[in-house]
Amino acid sequence: MTVSPLTGGLRAAVWLTFVIAVGWVLCFWPARMLRGHSGIAWMSLAAICCLVPGWIVVFLSRLAIFRNDLVAMLVQTLLRIGLVGAVALVVVVWRPEIGVADFFGWLIGFYLLALAAETVLGRPQKRDA
């Protein structure tokens, strides 16, 4: 039975959301202990900044809109790095006092978590013969 790209993308997006949510729950207490309520807010912003491009990437990986895998990989990587980098740049410009413990450490951690989850979700499915 074949799965439509929309269904596969939706399933991958739900799994990615679940993985990021579990990461958020695991990081809640350390963020609260490091910076209190503002630490939770900055950690949540970092999680959302990595989740949204992840949704786009998992949907793009399910659609056959690119000519080859190299182009698809480059577009997905540029999209992921571009959106996360833009948010990091905005935080640096608007709030220069924000440090690694407040936002950027969480951003790197959630970025790597999302990247690992997207890699696992993007693998081709094994088919039973």
Protein backbone atom coordinates (compact mmCIF):
# COMPACT_ATOMS: atom_id res chain seq x y z
CA MET A 1 0.00 0.00 0.00
CA THR A 2 1.46 3.35 -1.00
CA VAL A 3 1.27 6.39 1.22
CA SER A 4 0.49 9.75 -0.33
CA PRO A 5 3.13 12.48 0.08
CA LEU A 6 0.71 14.53 2.16
CA THR A 7 0.03 11.66 4.56
CA GLY A 8 3.73 10.77 4.81
CA GLY A 9 4.67 14.40 5.37
CA LEU A 10 1.99 14.83 7.99
CA ARG A 11 3.12 11.69 9.81
CA ALA A 12 6.76 12.87 9.71
CA ALA A 13 5.77 16.34 10.96
CA VAL A 14 3.86 14.82 13.89
CA TRP A 15 6.87 12.65 14.80
CA LEU A 16 9.19 15.65 14.56
CA THR A 17 6.85 17.66 16.79
CA PHE A 18 6.80 14.79 19.29
CA VAL A 19 10.61 14.56 19.37
CA ILE A 20 11.00 18.33 19.86
CA ALA A 21 8.28 18.29 22.56
CA VAL A 22 10.11 15.52 24.43
CA GLY A 23 13.33 17.54 24.14
CA TRP A 24 11.50 20.60 25.46
CA VAL A 25 10.16 18.65 28.45
CA LEU A 26 13.63 17.30 29.23
CA CYS A 27 15.14 20.80 29.03
CA PHE A 28 12.41 22.54 31.03
CA TRP A 29 13.97 22.09 34.45
CA PRO A 30 17.54 23.07 33.45
CA ALA A 31 16.22 26.19 31.66
CA ARG A 32 14.21 27.15 34.72
CA MET A 33 17.14 26.57 37.05
CA LEU A 34 19.55 28.58 34.86
CA ARG A 35 17.40 31.65 34.11
CA GLY A 36 13.94 31.24 35.63
CA HIS A 37 10.90 32.12 33.55
CA SER A 38 12.93 34.00 30.94
CA GLY A 39 15.06 30.87 30.45
CA ILE A 40 11.93 28.86 29.71
CA ALA A 41 10.74 31.50 27.25
CA TRP A 42 14.07 31.63 25.39
CA MET A 43 14.31 27.83 25.36
CA SER A 44 10.78 27.63 23.96
CA LEU A 45 11.65 30.16 21.25
CA ALA A 46 14.70 28.09 20.31
CA ALA A 47 12.55 24.95 20.07
CA ILE A 48 9.97 26.67 17.86
CA CYS A 49 12.71 28.16 15.66
CA CYS A 50 13.99 24.66 14.95
CA LEU A 51 10.57 23.02 14.65
CA VAL A 52 9.05 25.26 11.97
CA PRO A 53 11.83 24.79 9.37
CA GLY A 54 11.80 21.11 10.28
CA TRP A 55 8.14 20.88 9.27
CA ILE A 56 8.92 22.51 5.93
CA VAL A 57 11.90 20.21 5.35
CA VAL A 58 9.99 17.00 6.10
CA PHE A 59 7.19 18.03 3.73
CA LEU A 60 9.70 18.96 1.01
CA SER A 61 11.45 15.63 1.42
CA ARG A 62 8.18 13.80 0.73
CA LEU A 63 7.37 15.73 -2.44
CA ALA A 64 9.09 14.85 -5.68
CA ILE A 65 9.68 18.44 -6.82
CA PHE A 66 13.47 18.36 -7.21
CA ARG A 67 15.35 16.83 -10.11
CA ASN A 68 17.88 14.97 -7.99
CA ASP A 69 18.77 14.26 -4.39
CA LEU A 70 21.66 16.72 -4.29
CA VAL A 71 19.43 19.68 -5.17
CA ALA A 72 16.85 18.55 -2.62
CA MET A 73 19.52 18.27 0.08
CA LEU A 74 20.95 21.71 -0.71
CA VAL A 75 17.54 23.41 -0.67
CA GLN A 76 16.57 21.74 2.60
CA THR A 77 19.89 22.58 4.24
CA LEU A 78 19.78 26.21 3.10
CA LEU A 79 16.19 26.53 4.29
CA ARG A 80 16.97 25.02 7.69
CA ILE A 81 20.17 27.01 8.26
CA GLY A 82 18.69 30.18 6.76
CA LEU A 83 15.66 30.32 9.02
CA VAL A 84 17.53 29.39 12.20
CA GLY A 85 20.37 31.77 11.31
CA ALA A 86 17.94 34.61 10.62
CA VAL A 87 16.32 34.18 14.03
CA ALA A 88 19.74 34.04 15.71
CA LEU A 89 20.75 37.23 13.90
CA VAL A 90 17.56 39.00 14.96
CA VAL A 91 18.17 38.01 18.60
CA VAL A 92 21.78 39.25 18.42
CA VAL A 93 20.70 42.60 16.95
CA TRP A 94 17.67 43.24 19.16
CA ARG A 95 18.89 41.67 22.39
CA PRO A 96 22.73 41.72 22.45
CA GLU A 97 22.78 40.89 26.18
CA ILE A 98 21.32 37.43 25.53
CA GLY A 99 24.02 34.81 26.01
CA VAL A 100 24.64 31.14 25.42
CA ALA A 101 22.78 29.98 28.53
CA ASP A 102 19.75 32.09 27.62
CA PHE A 103 19.16 31.25 23.97
CA PHE A 104 22.03 30.16 21.77
CA GLY A 105 22.89 26.99 23.67
CA TRP A 106 19.26 25.92 23.47
CA LEU A 107 19.16 26.85 19.79
CA ILE A 108 22.16 24.66 19.00
CA GLY A 109 20.78 21.78 21.05
CA PHE A 110 17.33 21.87 19.45
CA TYR A 111 18.87 22.35 16.01
CA LEU A 112 20.91 19.16 16.42
CA LEU A 113 17.89 17.30 17.82
CA ALA A 114 15.71 18.40 14.90
CA LEU A 115 18.44 17.54 12.41
CA ALA A 116 18.80 14.03 13.86
CA ALA A 117 15.02 13.51 13.87
CA GLU A 118 14.69 14.78 10.28
CA THR A 119 17.47 12.44 9.19
CA VAL A 120 15.73 9.44 10.73
CA LEU A 121 12.34 10.50 9.35
CA GLY A 122 13.78 11.13 5.88
CA ARG A 123 15.20 7.64 5.43
CA PRO A 124 13.57 5.53 2.75
CA GLN A 125 11.06 3.06 4.13
CA LYS A 126 11.98 -0.62 3.98
CA ARG A 127 9.52 -2.61 1.96
CA ASP A 128 8.67 -6.23 2.63
CA ALA A 129 9.14 -8.40 -0.45
